[in-house]
C-alpha atoms as a PDB file:
ATOM      1  CA  UNK A   1     -97.186 132.405  79.298  1.00  0.00           C
ATOM      2  CA  UNK A   2     -95.875 135.951  79.375  1.00  0.00           C
ATOM      3  CA  UNK A   3     -96.645 138.177  82.371  1.00  0.00           C
ATOM      4  CA  UNK A   4     -98.121 141.220  80.647  1.00  0.00           C
ATOM      5  CA  UNK A   5     -98.127 143.275  83.844  1.00  0.00           C
ATOM      6  CA  UNK A   6     -94.320 143.395  83.757  1.00  0.00           C
ATOM      7  CA  UNK A   7     -94.524 145.654  80.708  1.00  0.00           C
ATOM      8  CA  UNK A   8     -97.217 148.059  81.873  1.00  0.00           C
ATOM      9  CA  UNK A   9     -96.129 151.668  82.384  1.00  0.00           C
ATOM     10  CA  UNK A  10     -97.170 154.049  85.142  1.00  0.00           C
ATOM     11  CA  UNK A  11     -99.737 156.725  84.342  1.00  0.00           C
ATOM     12  CA  UNK A  12     -97.000 159.337  84.609  1.00  0.00           C
ATOM     13  CA  UNK A  13     -94.765 157.512  82.146  1.00  0.00           C
ATOM     14  CA  UNK A  14     -97.640 156.908  79.734  1.00  0.00           C
ATOM     15  CA  UNK A  15     -98.533 160.582  79.668  1.00  0.00           C
ATOM     16  CA  UNK A  16     -94.919 161.740  79.437  1.00  0.00           C
ATOM     17  CA  UNK A  17     -94.177 159.590  76.380  1.00  0.00           C
ATOM     18  CA  UNK A  18     -97.458 160.529  74.732  1.00  0.00           C
ATOM     19  CA  UNK A  19     -96.896 164.258  75.141  1.00  0.00           C
ATOM     20  CA  UNK A  20     -93.188 164.247  74.324  1.00  0.00           C
ATOM     21  CA  UNK A  21     -93.005 161.728  71.479  1.00  0.00           C
ATOM     22  CA  UNK A  22     -96.337 160.472  70.191  1.00  0.00           C
ATOM     23  CA  UNK A  23     -98.577 163.540  69.968  1.00  0.00           C
ATOM     24  CA  UNK A  24     -96.031 165.761  68.161  1.00  0.00           C
ATOM     25  CA  UNK A  25     -95.596 163.064  65.515  1.00  0.00           C
ATOM     26  CA  UNK A  26     -99.240 162.055  65.083  1.00  0.00           C
ATOM     27  CA  UNK A  27    -100.760 165.522  64.997  1.00  0.00           C
ATOM     28  CA  UNK A  28     -98.037 167.513  63.258  1.00  0.00           C
ATOM     29  CA  UNK A  29    -100.162 168.132  60.144  1.00  0.00           C
ATOM     30  CA  UNK A  30    -103.606 167.843  61.747  1.00  0.00           C
ATOM     31  CA  UNK A  31    -106.364 170.279  60.759  1.00  0.00           C
ATOM     32  CA  UNK A  32    -109.531 171.012  62.719  1.00  0.00           C
ATOM     33  CA  UNK A  33    -112.791 170.779  60.776  1.00  0.00           C
ATOM     34  CA  UNK A  34    -116.276 172.172  61.189  1.00  0.00           C
ATOM     35  CA  UNK A  35    -117.593 168.900  59.724  1.00  0.00           C
ATOM     36  CA  UNK A  36    -115.201 166.249  61.037  1.00  0.00           C
ATOM     37  CA  UNK A  37    -115.516 162.605  60.082  1.00  0.00           C
ATOM     38  CA  UNK A  38    -114.572 159.514  62.083  1.00  0.00           C
ATOM     39  CA  UNK A  39    -113.918 156.354  60.064  1.00  0.00           C
ATOM     40  CA  UNK A  40    -113.632 153.116  62.035  1.00  0.00           C
ATOM     41  CA  UNK A  41    -112.148 150.408  59.812  1.00  0.00           C
ATOM     42  CA  UNK A  42    -111.633 146.827  60.876  1.00  0.00           C
ATOM     43  CA  UNK A  43    -111.339 143.149  60.179  1.00  0.00           C
ATOM     44  CA  UNK A  44    -109.243 140.240  61.381  1.00  0.00           C
ATOM     45  CA  UNK A  45    -105.434 140.473  61.128  1.00  0.00           C
ATOM     46  CA  UNK A  46    -104.311 139.795  57.566  1.00  0.00           C
ATOM     47  CA  UNK A  47    -107.602 140.953  56.047  1.00  0.00           C
ATOM     48  CA  UNK A  48    -105.965 143.827  54.165  1.00  0.00           C
ATOM     49  CA  UNK A  49    -106.875 146.808  56.329  1.00  0.00           C
ATOM     50  CA  UNK A  50    -103.798 148.838  55.413  1.00  0.00           C
ATOM     51  CA  UNK A  51    -104.576 148.854  51.711  1.00  0.00           C
ATOM     52  CA  UNK A  52    -108.276 149.424  52.338  1.00  0.00           C
ATOM     53  CA  UNK A  53    -107.460 152.369  54.613  1.00  0.00           C
ATOM     54  CA  UNK A  54    -105.359 153.956  51.893  1.00  0.00           C
ATOM     55  CA  UNK A  55    -108.229 153.648  49.430  1.00  0.00           C
ATOM     56  CA  UNK A  56    -110.780 155.056  51.870  1.00  0.00           C
ATOM     57  CA  UNK A  57    -108.579 158.052  52.679  1.00  0.00           C
ATOM     58  CA  UNK A  58    -108.606 159.019  48.994  1.00  0.00           C
ATOM     59  CA  UNK A  59    -112.330 159.758  49.368  1.00  0.00           C
ATOM     60  CA  UNK A  60    -111.637 162.491  51.923  1.00  0.00           C
ATOM     61  CA  UNK A  61    -109.260 164.916  50.244  1.00  0.00           C
ATOM     62  CA  UNK A  62    -110.650 168.000  51.982  1.00  0.00           C
ATOM     63  CA  UNK A  63    -111.088 166.700  55.535  1.00  0.00           C
ATOM     64  CA  UNK A  64    -107.819 164.696  55.436  1.00  0.00           C
ATOM     65  CA  UNK A  65    -108.515 162.167  58.209  1.00  0.00           C
ATOM     66  CA  UNK A  66    -105.541 161.226  60.376  1.00  0.00           C
ATOM     67  CA  UNK A  67    -104.836 157.469  60.312  1.00  0.00           C
ATOM     68  CA  UNK A  68    -104.538 156.094  63.847  1.00  0.00           C
ATOM     69  CA  UNK A  69    -103.532 152.503  64.627  1.00  0.00           C
ATOM     70  CA  UNK A  70    -102.070 150.709  67.628  1.00  0.00           C
ATOM     71  CA  UNK A  71     -99.306 148.947  65.700  1.00  0.00           C
ATOM     72  CA  UNK A  72     -97.665 152.268  64.854  1.00  0.00           C
ATOM     73  CA  UNK A  73     -97.563 153.104  68.573  1.00  0.00           C
ATOM     74  CA  UNK A  74     -95.752 149.957  69.746  1.00  0.00           C
ATOM     75  CA  UNK A  75     -92.343 151.305  68.786  1.00  0.00           C
ATOM     76  CA  UNK A  76     -92.681 153.932  71.546  1.00  0.00           C
ATOM     77  CA  UNK A  77     -92.791 151.278  74.275  1.00  0.00           C
ATOM     78  CA  UNK A  78     -89.461 151.282  76.157  1.00  0.00           C
ATOM     79  CA  UNK A  79     -89.181 147.473  75.861  1.00  0.00           C
ATOM     80  CA  UNK A  80     -90.247 147.229  72.214  1.00  0.00           C
ATOM     81  CA  UNK A  81     -86.872 146.469  70.645  1.00  0.00           C
ATOM     82  CA  UNK A  82     -85.791 144.128  73.437  1.00  0.00           C
ATOM     83  CA  UNK A  83     -89.025 142.167  73.071  1.00  0.00           C
ATOM     84  CA  UNK A  84     -88.540 141.942  69.317  1.00  0.00           C
ATOM     85  CA  UNK A  85     -85.076 140.518  69.824  1.00  0.00           C
ATOM     86  CA  UNK A  86     -85.807 138.174  72.729  1.00  0.00           C
ATOM     87  CA  UNK A  87     -89.500 137.262  72.543  1.00  0.00           C
ATOM     88  CA  UNK A  88     -91.063 138.484  69.275  1.00  0.00           C
ATOM     89  CA  UNK A  89     -93.998 136.070  69.488  1.00  0.00           C
ATOM     90  CA  UNK A  90     -95.182 137.742  72.692  1.00  0.00           C
ATOM     91  CA  UNK A  91     -94.285 141.332  71.815  1.00  0.00           C
ATOM     92  CA  UNK A  92     -97.840 142.208  70.801  1.00  0.00           C
ATOM     93  CA  UNK A  93     -99.371 140.708  73.923  1.00  0.00           C
ATOM     94  CA  UNK A  94     -96.798 142.403  76.171  1.00  0.00           C
ATOM     95  CA  UNK A  95     -97.419 145.871  74.742  1.00  0.00           C
ATOM     96  CA  UNK A  96    -101.185 145.709  74.199  1.00  0.00           C
ATOM     97  CA  UNK A  97    -102.150 147.420  77.455  1.00  0.00           C
ATOM     98  CA  UNK A  98     -99.731 150.286  76.934  1.00  0.00           C
ATOM     99  CA  UNK A  99    -100.563 150.985  73.301  1.00  0.00           C
ATOM    100  CA  UNK A 100    -104.246 150.713  74.141  1.00  0.00           C
ATOM    101  CA  UNK A 101    -103.846 153.560  76.611  1.00  0.00           C
ATOM    102  CA  UNK A 102    -101.919 155.639  74.085  1.00  0.00           C
ATOM    103  CA  UNK A 103    -104.577 154.968  71.479  1.00  0.00           C
ATOM    104  CA  UNK A 104    -107.262 156.234  73.847  1.00  0.00           C
ATOM    105  CA  UNK A 105    -105.188 159.360  74.500  1.00  0.00           C
ATOM    106  CA  UNK A 106    -104.735 159.949  70.766  1.00  0.00           C
ATOM    107  CA  UNK A 107    -108.440 159.517  70.035  1.00  0.00           C
ATOM    108  CA  UNK A 108    -109.427 161.845  72.881  1.00  0.00           C
ATOM    109  CA  UNK A 109    -106.938 164.468  71.683  1.00  0.00           C
ATOM    110  CA  UNK A 110    -108.272 164.265  68.126  1.00  0.00           C
ATOM    111  CA  UNK A 111    -111.878 164.525  69.292  1.00  0.00           C
ATOM    112  CA  UNK A 112    -111.187 167.567  71.481  1.00  0.00           C
ATOM    113  CA  UNK A 113    -109.631 169.335  68.515  1.00  0.00           C
ATOM    114  CA  UNK A 114    -112.235 168.175  65.957  1.00  0.00           C
ATOM    115  CA  UNK A 115    -109.648 166.406  63.820  1.00  0.00           C
ATOM    116  CA  UNK A 116    -111.022 163.941  61.275  1.00  0.00           C
ATOM    117  CA  UNK A 117    -109.633 160.463  61.936  1.00  0.00           C
ATOM    118  CA  UNK A 118    -109.411 156.978  60.476  1.00  0.00           C
ATOM    119  CA  UNK A 119    -109.025 154.420  63.254  1.00  0.00           C
ATOM    120  CA  UNK A 120    -107.881 150.934  62.334  1.00  0.00           C
ATOM    121  CA  UNK A 121    -108.688 147.913  64.490  1.00  0.00           C
ATOM    122  CA  UNK A 122    -109.570 144.234  64.449  1.00  0.00           C
ATOM    123  CA  UNK A 123    -113.243 144.634  65.480  1.00  0.00           C
ATOM    124  CA  UNK A 124    -112.802 141.810  68.008  1.00  0.00           C
ATOM    125  CA  UNK A 125    -114.937 143.580  70.629  1.00  0.00           C
ATOM    126  CA  UNK A 126    -118.147 145.134  69.246  1.00  0.00           C
ATOM    127  CA  UNK A 127    -118.770 147.197  72.375  1.00  0.00           C
ATOM    128  CA  UNK A 128    -115.475 149.055  71.908  1.00  0.00           C
ATOM    129  CA  UNK A 129    -116.226 150.053  68.316  1.00  0.00           C
ATOM    130  CA  UNK A 130    -119.778 151.111  69.133  1.00  0.00           C
ATOM    131  CA  UNK A 131    -118.617 153.168  72.115  1.00  0.00           C
ATOM    132  CA  UNK A 132    -116.133 154.999  69.899  1.00  0.00           C
ATOM    133  CA  UNK A 133    -118.780 155.674  67.253  1.00  0.00           C
ATOM    134  CA  UNK A 134    -121.134 157.060  69.887  1.00  0.00           C
ATOM    135  CA  UNK A 135    -118.449 159.287  71.412  1.00  0.00           C
ATOM    136  CA  UNK A 136    -117.602 160.767  68.023  1.00  0.00           C
ATOM    137  CA  UNK A 137    -121.222 161.110  66.920  1.00  0.00           C
ATOM    138  CA  UNK A 138    -122.214 162.933  70.098  1.00  0.00           C
ATOM    139  CA  UNK A 139    -119.462 165.515  69.529  1.00  0.00           C
ATOM    140  CA  UNK A 140    -120.580 166.415  66.015  1.00  0.00           C
ATOM    141  CA  UNK A 141    -118.745 163.872  63.875  1.00  0.00           C
ATOM    142  CA  UNK A 142    -120.112 162.014  60.891  1.00  0.00           C
ATOM    143  CA  UNK A 143    -119.308 158.374  61.589  1.00  0.00           C
ATOM    144  CA  UNK A 144    -118.546 155.594  59.149  1.00  0.00           C
ATOM    145  CA  UNK A 145    -117.802 151.952  59.938  1.00  0.00           C
ATOM    146  CA  UNK A 146    -115.862 150.023  57.296  1.00  0.00           C
ATOM    147  CA  UNK A 147    -115.269 146.262  57.485  1.00  0.00           C
ATOM    148  CA  UNK A 148    -113.300 143.789  55.392  1.00  0.00           C
ATOM    149  CA  UNK A 149    -115.040 140.584  54.346  1.00  0.00           C
ATOM    150  CA  UNK A 150    -112.188 138.122  53.827  1.00  0.00           C
ATOM    151  CA  UNK A 151    -112.131 134.303  54.160  1.00  0.00           C
ATOM    152  CA  UNK A 152    -110.174 133.093  57.181  1.00  0.00           C
ATOM    153  CA  UNK A 153    -107.791 130.980  55.100  1.00  0.00           C
ATOM    154  CA  UNK A 154    -106.833 134.025  53.041  1.00  0.00           C
ATOM    155  CA  UNK A 155    -106.118 136.277  56.015  1.00  0.00           C
ATOM    156  CA  UNK A 156    -104.251 133.542  57.887  1.00  0.00           C
ATOM    157  CA  UNK A 157    -102.009 132.973  54.869  1.00  0.00           C
ATOM    158  CA  UNK A 158    -101.501 136.723  54.638  1.00  0.00           C
ATOM    159  CA  UNK A 159    -100.161 136.751  58.210  1.00  0.00           C
ATOM    160  CA  UNK A 160     -97.486 134.230  57.224  1.00  0.00           C
ATOM    161  CA  UNK A 161     -96.673 136.042  53.993  1.00  0.00           C
ATOM    162  CA  UNK A 162     -96.425 139.411  55.733  1.00  0.00           C
ATOM    163  CA  UNK A 163     -94.025 138.093  58.371  1.00  0.00           C
ATOM    164  CA  UNK A 164     -91.784 136.367  55.839  1.00  0.00           C
ATOM    165  CA  UNK A 165     -91.758 139.344  53.470  1.00  0.00           C
ATOM    166  CA  UNK A 166     -90.970 141.734  56.300  1.00  0.00           C
ATOM    167  CA  UNK A 167     -88.079 139.572  57.488  1.00  0.00           C
ATOM    168  CA  UNK A 168     -86.709 139.280  53.945  1.00  0.00           C
ATOM    169  CA  UNK A 169     -86.643 143.077  53.750  1.00  0.00           C
ATOM    170  CA  UNK A 170     -84.663 143.333  56.960  1.00  0.00           C
ATOM    171  CA  UNK A 171     -87.624 143.872  59.267  1.00  0.00           C
ATOM    172  CA  UNK A 172     -88.515 142.061  62.467  1.00  0.00           C
ATOM    173  CA  UNK A 173     -90.727 139.443  60.807  1.00  0.00           C
ATOM    174  CA  UNK A 174     -93.359 139.846  63.514  1.00  0.00           C
ATOM    175  CA  UNK A 175     -96.160 137.292  63.557  1.00  0.00           C
ATOM    176  CA  UNK A 176     -99.773 137.552  64.670  1.00  0.00           C
ATOM    177  CA  UNK A 177    -100.847 134.619  66.875  1.00  0.00           C
ATOM    178  CA  UNK A 178    -103.731 132.449  65.693  1.00  0.00           C
ATOM    179  CA  UNK A 179    -105.958 133.358  68.639  1.00  0.00           C
ATOM    180  CA  UNK A 180    -105.690 137.069  67.796  1.00  0.00           C
ATOM    181  CA  UNK A 181    -106.744 136.302  64.227  1.00  0.00           C
ATOM    182  CA  UNK A 182    -109.688 134.185  65.321  1.00  0.00           C
ATOM    183  CA  UNK A 183    -110.988 136.815  67.744  1.00  0.00           C
ATOM    184  CA  UNK A 184    -111.013 139.392  64.969  1.00  0.00           C
ATOM    185  CA  UNK A 185    -112.619 136.974  62.522  1.00  0.00           C
ATOM    186  CA  UNK A 186    -115.450 136.168  64.930  1.00  0.00           C
ATOM    187  CA  UNK A 187    -115.823 139.731  66.159  1.00  0.00           C
ATOM    188  CA  UNK A 188    -116.077 141.478  62.795  1.00  0.00           C
ATOM    189  CA  UNK A 189    -119.613 140.362  61.807  1.00  0.00           C
ATOM    190  CA  UNK A 190    -120.705 140.845  65.420  1.00  0.00           C
ATOM    191  CA  UNK A 191    -119.390 144.406  65.331  1.00  0.00           C
ATOM    192  CA  UNK A 192    -121.178 145.126  62.065  1.00  0.00           C
ATOM    193  CA  UNK A 193    -124.422 143.654  63.412  1.00  0.00           C
ATOM    194  CA  UNK A 194    -124.146 146.028  66.372  1.00  0.00           C
ATOM    195  CA  UNK A 195    -123.375 148.944  64.041  1.00  0.00           C
ATOM    196  CA  UNK A 196    -126.520 148.202  62.020  1.00  0.00           C
ATOM    197  CA  UNK A 197    -128.644 148.983  65.081  1.00  0.00           C
ATOM    198  CA  UNK A 198    -126.620 151.916  66.390  1.00  0.00           C
ATOM    199  CA  UNK A 199    -127.983 155.349  65.460  1.00  0.00           C
ATOM    200  CA  UNK A 200    -124.527 156.815  66.114  1.00  0.00           C
ATOM    201  CA  UNK A 201    -123.209 155.042  63.000  1.00  0.00           C
ATOM    202  CA  UNK A 202    -124.101 157.121  59.944  1.00  0.00           C
ATOM    203  CA  UNK A 203    -122.675 154.855  57.245  1.00  0.00           C
ATOM    204  CA  UNK A 204    -121.545 151.243  56.901  1.00  0.00           C
ATOM    205  CA  UNK A 205    -119.339 149.979  54.084  1.00  0.00           C
ATOM    206  CA  UNK A 206    -118.160 146.419  53.441  1.00  0.00           C
ATOM    207  CA  UNK A 207    -115.274 145.655  51.069  1.00  0.00           C
ATOM    208  CA  UNK A 208    -113.680 142.407  50.023  1.00  0.00           C
ATOM    209  CA  UNK A 209    -109.907 142.015  49.897  1.00  0.00           C
ATOM    210  CA  UNK A 210    -109.815 143.039  46.225  1.00  0.00           C
ATOM    211  CA  UNK A 211    -111.418 146.374  47.108  1.00  0.00           C
ATOM    212  CA  UNK A 212    -114.835 145.599  45.650  1.00  0.00           C
ATOM    213  CA  UNK A 213    -117.780 147.143  47.486  1.00  0.00           C
ATOM    214  CA  UNK A 214    -120.114 144.488  48.888  1.00  0.00           C
ATOM    215  CA  UNK A 215    -122.300 146.901  50.846  1.00  0.00           C
ATOM    216  CA  UNK A 216    -122.498 150.676  51.285  1.00  0.00           C
ATOM    217  CA  UNK A 217    -125.440 152.459  52.877  1.00  0.00           C
ATOM    218  CA  UNK A 218    -126.098 155.681  54.775  1.00  0.00           C
ATOM    219  CA  UNK A 219    -128.525 155.728  57.670  1.00  0.00           C
ATOM    220  CA  UNK A 220    -131.666 157.759  56.830  1.00  0.00           C
ATOM    221  CA  UNK A 221    -131.941 161.167  58.551  1.00  0.00           C
ATOM    222  CA  UNK A 222    -134.859 159.914  60.634  1.00  0.00           C
ATOM    223  CA  UNK A 223    -132.858 156.901  61.842  1.00  0.00           C
ATOM    224  CA  UNK A 224    -133.677 153.250  61.383  1.00  0.00           C
ATOM    225  CA  UNK A 225    -131.627 150.105  61.072  1.00  0.00           C
ATOM    226  CA  UNK A 226    -129.093 149.580  58.280  1.00  0.00           C
ATOM    227  CA  UNK A 227    -130.139 146.100  57.186  1.00  0.00           C
ATOM    228  CA  UNK A 228    -127.893 143.553  55.516  1.00  0.00           C
ATOM    229  CA  UNK A 229    -124.380 144.739  56.389  1.00  0.00           C
ATOM    230  CA  UNK A 230    -123.453 141.826  58.664  1.00  0.00           C
ATOM    231  CA  UNK A 231    -124.953 139.428  56.135  1.00  0.00           C
ATOM    232  CA  UNK A 232    -122.710 140.960  53.460  1.00  0.00           C
ATOM    233  CA  UNK A 233    -119.666 140.199  55.618  1.00  0.00           C
ATOM    234  CA  UNK A 234    -120.668 136.558  55.990  1.00  0.00           C
ATOM    235  CA  UNK A 235    -121.592 136.073  52.327  1.00  0.00           C
ATOM    236  CA  UNK A 236    -118.362 137.666  51.137  1.00  0.00           C
ATOM    237  CA  UNK A 237    -116.367 135.208  53.214  1.00  0.00           C
ATOM    238  CA  UNK A 238    -118.144 132.207  51.713  1.00  0.00           C
ATOM    239  CA  UNK A 239    -117.270 132.915  48.084  1.00  0.00           C
ATOM    240  CA  UNK A 240    -114.858 130.181  46.949  1.00  0.00           C
ATOM    241  CA  UNK A 241    -111.658 131.249  45.199  1.00  0.00           C
ATOM    242  CA  UNK A 242    -111.104 130.649  41.516  1.00  0.00           C
ATOM    243  CA  UNK A 243    -108.868 127.626  40.825  1.00  0.00           C
ATOM    244  CA  UNK A 244    -106.042 129.887  39.675  1.00  0.00           C
ATOM    245  CA  UNK A 245    -106.192 131.930  42.889  1.00  0.00           C
ATOM    246  CA  UNK A 246    -106.327 128.779  45.007  1.00  0.00           C
ATOM    247  CA  UNK A 247    -103.171 127.524  43.298  1.00  0.00           C
ATOM    248  CA  UNK A 248    -101.503 130.876  43.953  1.00  0.00           C
ATOM    249  CA  UNK A 249    -102.515 130.528  47.618  1.00  0.00           C
ATOM    250  CA  UNK A 250    -100.916 127.069  47.782  1.00  0.00           C
ATOM    251  CA  UNK A 251     -97.701 128.149  46.064  1.00  0.00           C
ATOM    252  CA  UNK A 252     -97.388 131.167  48.345  1.00  0.00           C
ATOM    253  CA  UNK A 253     -98.010 129.048  51.434  1.00  0.00           C
ATOM    254  CA  UNK A 254     -95.345 126.485  50.543  1.00  0.00           C
ATOM    255  CA  UNK A 255     -92.806 129.122  49.494  1.00  0.00           C
ATOM    256  CA  UNK A 256     -93.335 131.219  52.610  1.00  0.00           C
ATOM    257  CA  UNK A 257     -93.199 128.245  54.955  1.00  0.00           C
ATOM    258  CA  UNK A 258     -89.937 127.092  53.363  1.00  0.00           C
ATOM    259  CA  UNK A 259     -88.481 130.575  53.729  1.00  0.00           C
ATOM    260  CA  UNK A 260     -89.629 130.764  57.355  1.00  0.00           C
ATOM    261  CA  UNK A 261     -87.821 127.507  58.088  1.00  0.00           C
ATOM    262  CA  UNK A 262     -84.604 128.613  56.385  1.00  0.00           C
ATOM    263  CA  UNK A 263     -84.655 131.980  58.148  1.00  0.00           C
ATOM    264  CA  UNK A 264     -85.361 130.466  61.565  1.00  0.00           C
ATOM    265  CA  UNK A 265     -88.606 132.379  61.939  1.00  0.00           C
ATOM    266  CA  UNK A 266     -90.729 129.484  63.180  1.00  0.00           C
ATOM    267  CA  UNK A 267     -91.345 129.528  66.930  1.00  0.00           C
ATOM    268  CA  UNK A 268     -93.372 127.260  69.170  1.00  0.00           C
ATOM    269  CA  UNK A 269     -96.036 129.922  69.716  1.00  0.00           C
ATOM    270  CA  UNK A 270     -96.628 130.117  65.971  1.00  0.00           C
ATOM    271  CA  UNK A 271     -97.288 126.407  65.478  1.00  0.00           C
ATOM    272  CA  UNK A 272    -101.073 126.726  66.032  1.00  0.00           C
ATOM    273  CA  UNK A 273    -101.250 129.188  63.122  1.00  0.00           C
ATOM    274  CA  UNK A 274     -99.114 126.990  60.882  1.00  0.00           C
ATOM    275  CA  UNK A 275    -101.048 123.843  61.779  1.00  0.00           C
ATOM    276  CA  UNK A 276    -104.270 125.648  60.877  1.00  0.00           C
ATOM    277  CA  UNK A 277    -102.738 126.772  57.583  1.00  0.00           C
ATOM    278  CA  UNK A 278    -101.967 123.147  56.744  1.00  0.00           C
ATOM    279  CA  UNK A 279    -105.658 122.383  57.276  1.00  0.00           C
ATOM    280  CA  UNK A 280    -106.519 125.406  55.126  1.00  0.00           C
ATOM    281  CA  UNK A 281    -104.211 124.059  52.424  1.00  0.00           C
ATOM    282  CA  UNK A 282    -106.330 120.908  52.161  1.00  0.00           C
ATOM    283  CA  UNK A 283    -109.390 123.054  51.498  1.00  0.00           C
ATOM    284  CA  UNK A 284    -107.520 125.185  48.974  1.00  0.00           C
ATOM    285  CA  UNK A 285    -106.320 122.084  47.146  1.00  0.00           C
ATOM    286  CA  UNK A 286    -109.950 121.122  46.633  1.00  0.00           C
ATOM    287  CA  UNK A 287    -110.636 124.534  45.082  1.00  0.00           C
ATOM    288  CA  UNK A 288    -107.463 124.437  42.997  1.00  0.00           C
ATOM    289  CA  UNK A 289    -107.974 121.011  41.433  1.00  0.00           C
ATOM    290  CA  UNK A 290    -111.526 120.018  40.559  1.00  0.00           C
ATOM    291  CA  UNK A 291    -110.477 116.534  39.420  1.00  0.00           C
ATOM    292  CA  UNK A 292    -109.870 114.683  42.680  1.00  0.00           C
ATOM    293  CA  UNK A 293    -108.537 111.691  40.743  1.00  0.00           C
ATOM    294  CA  UNK A 294    -106.000 113.777  38.851  1.00  0.00           C
ATOM    295  CA  UNK A 295    -102.295 114.061  39.560  1.00  0.00           C
ATOM    296  CA  UNK A 296    -102.553 117.767  40.398  1.00  0.00           C
ATOM    297  CA  UNK A 297    -104.760 117.095  43.395  1.00  0.00           C
ATOM    298  CA  UNK A 298    -102.850 114.060  44.646  1.00  0.00           C
ATOM    299  CA  UNK A 299     -99.515 115.869  44.269  1.00  0.00           C
ATOM    300  CA  UNK A 300    -100.916 118.804  46.242  1.00  0.00           C
ATOM    301  CA  UNK A 301    -102.037 116.504  49.067  1.00  0.00           C
ATOM    302  CA  UNK A 302     -98.642 114.803  49.177  1.00  0.00           C
ATOM    303  CA  UNK A 303     -96.908 118.151  49.446  1.00  0.00           C
ATOM    304  CA  UNK A 304     -99.280 119.227  52.220  1.00  0.00           C
ATOM    305  CA  UNK A 305     -98.600 115.968  54.089  1.00  0.00           C
ATOM    306  CA  UNK A 306     -94.879 116.729  53.963  1.00  0.00           C
ATOM    307  CA  UNK A 307     -95.525 120.160  55.455  1.00  0.00           C
ATOM    308  CA  UNK A 308     -97.563 118.639  58.288  1.00  0.00           C
ATOM    309  CA  UNK A 309     -94.827 116.124  59.044  1.00  0.00           C
ATOM    310  CA  UNK A 310     -92.236 118.894  59.056  1.00  0.00           C
ATOM    311  CA  UNK A 311     -94.220 120.914  61.578  1.00  0.00           C
ATOM    312  CA  UNK A 312     -94.659 117.851  63.795  1.00  0.00           C
ATOM    313  CA  UNK A 313     -90.887 117.301  63.803  1.00  0.00           C
ATOM    314  CA  UNK A 314     -89.432 120.819  63.479  1.00  0.00           C
ATOM    315  CA  UNK A 315     -85.949 119.727  64.478  1.00  0.00           C
END
């Protein structure tokens, strides 16, 4: 287990890097607004937040919210590149405390200057999201909470695909551990349930991974609960994939896992995620092939069994 405290920076160093490197880059084109908006968008890793954020930003041409996310801040950590080279599986955990502090500095700076912002997160801790919404709302912001409703198997497979694709393009091929995914998956509906009751949240929107709107309501001027948003998250996750999409999921999983093996990307810390994906593959095979007696289904199960054996004996 990595000792995260080894990678924590002093308050002086945190502030120096933020002022000298981070703030000039983040706020170079920032504009103050008399009607600023704060958009808090979240979902488990692999849910598709980046694409959803891009779509949401198109709705705010005039206010031009600044996108803020912790992943973009990790590169400023003095040990970032060494961790990527020597211990990529633990890079995120090692830098979380530092980038969390920088994120708080960035949000506070934006709020002081009335900059509109879009803040991306995993919604793993409802109290954090609600506290941010309240802080923005109490300083004159219109607040909107946006969540992605995505089945766990889909987002877990996306984590694998993203790492493999990034490595193939010459990137670091960074993975997200399974426990980080699961915390976001559990926390997202809890966060939305808390947002339903919070008067500081003016609007809640739920999208699926394809960008379809599952829920979108504004809180009435006189207050009141926004009913049904958390339920929309849960229902959206339960929708089974079409057989064609399930087969695409399976093909992508097998192709990406093979590439990860060839490229030497598989590490011990990633085995829990891959083992879970093998279990997910069984479920997807059932969606992909309705005829359980047919060769398509039996061939899929045989291929999945080979993957499980390969993970059990990685050497």
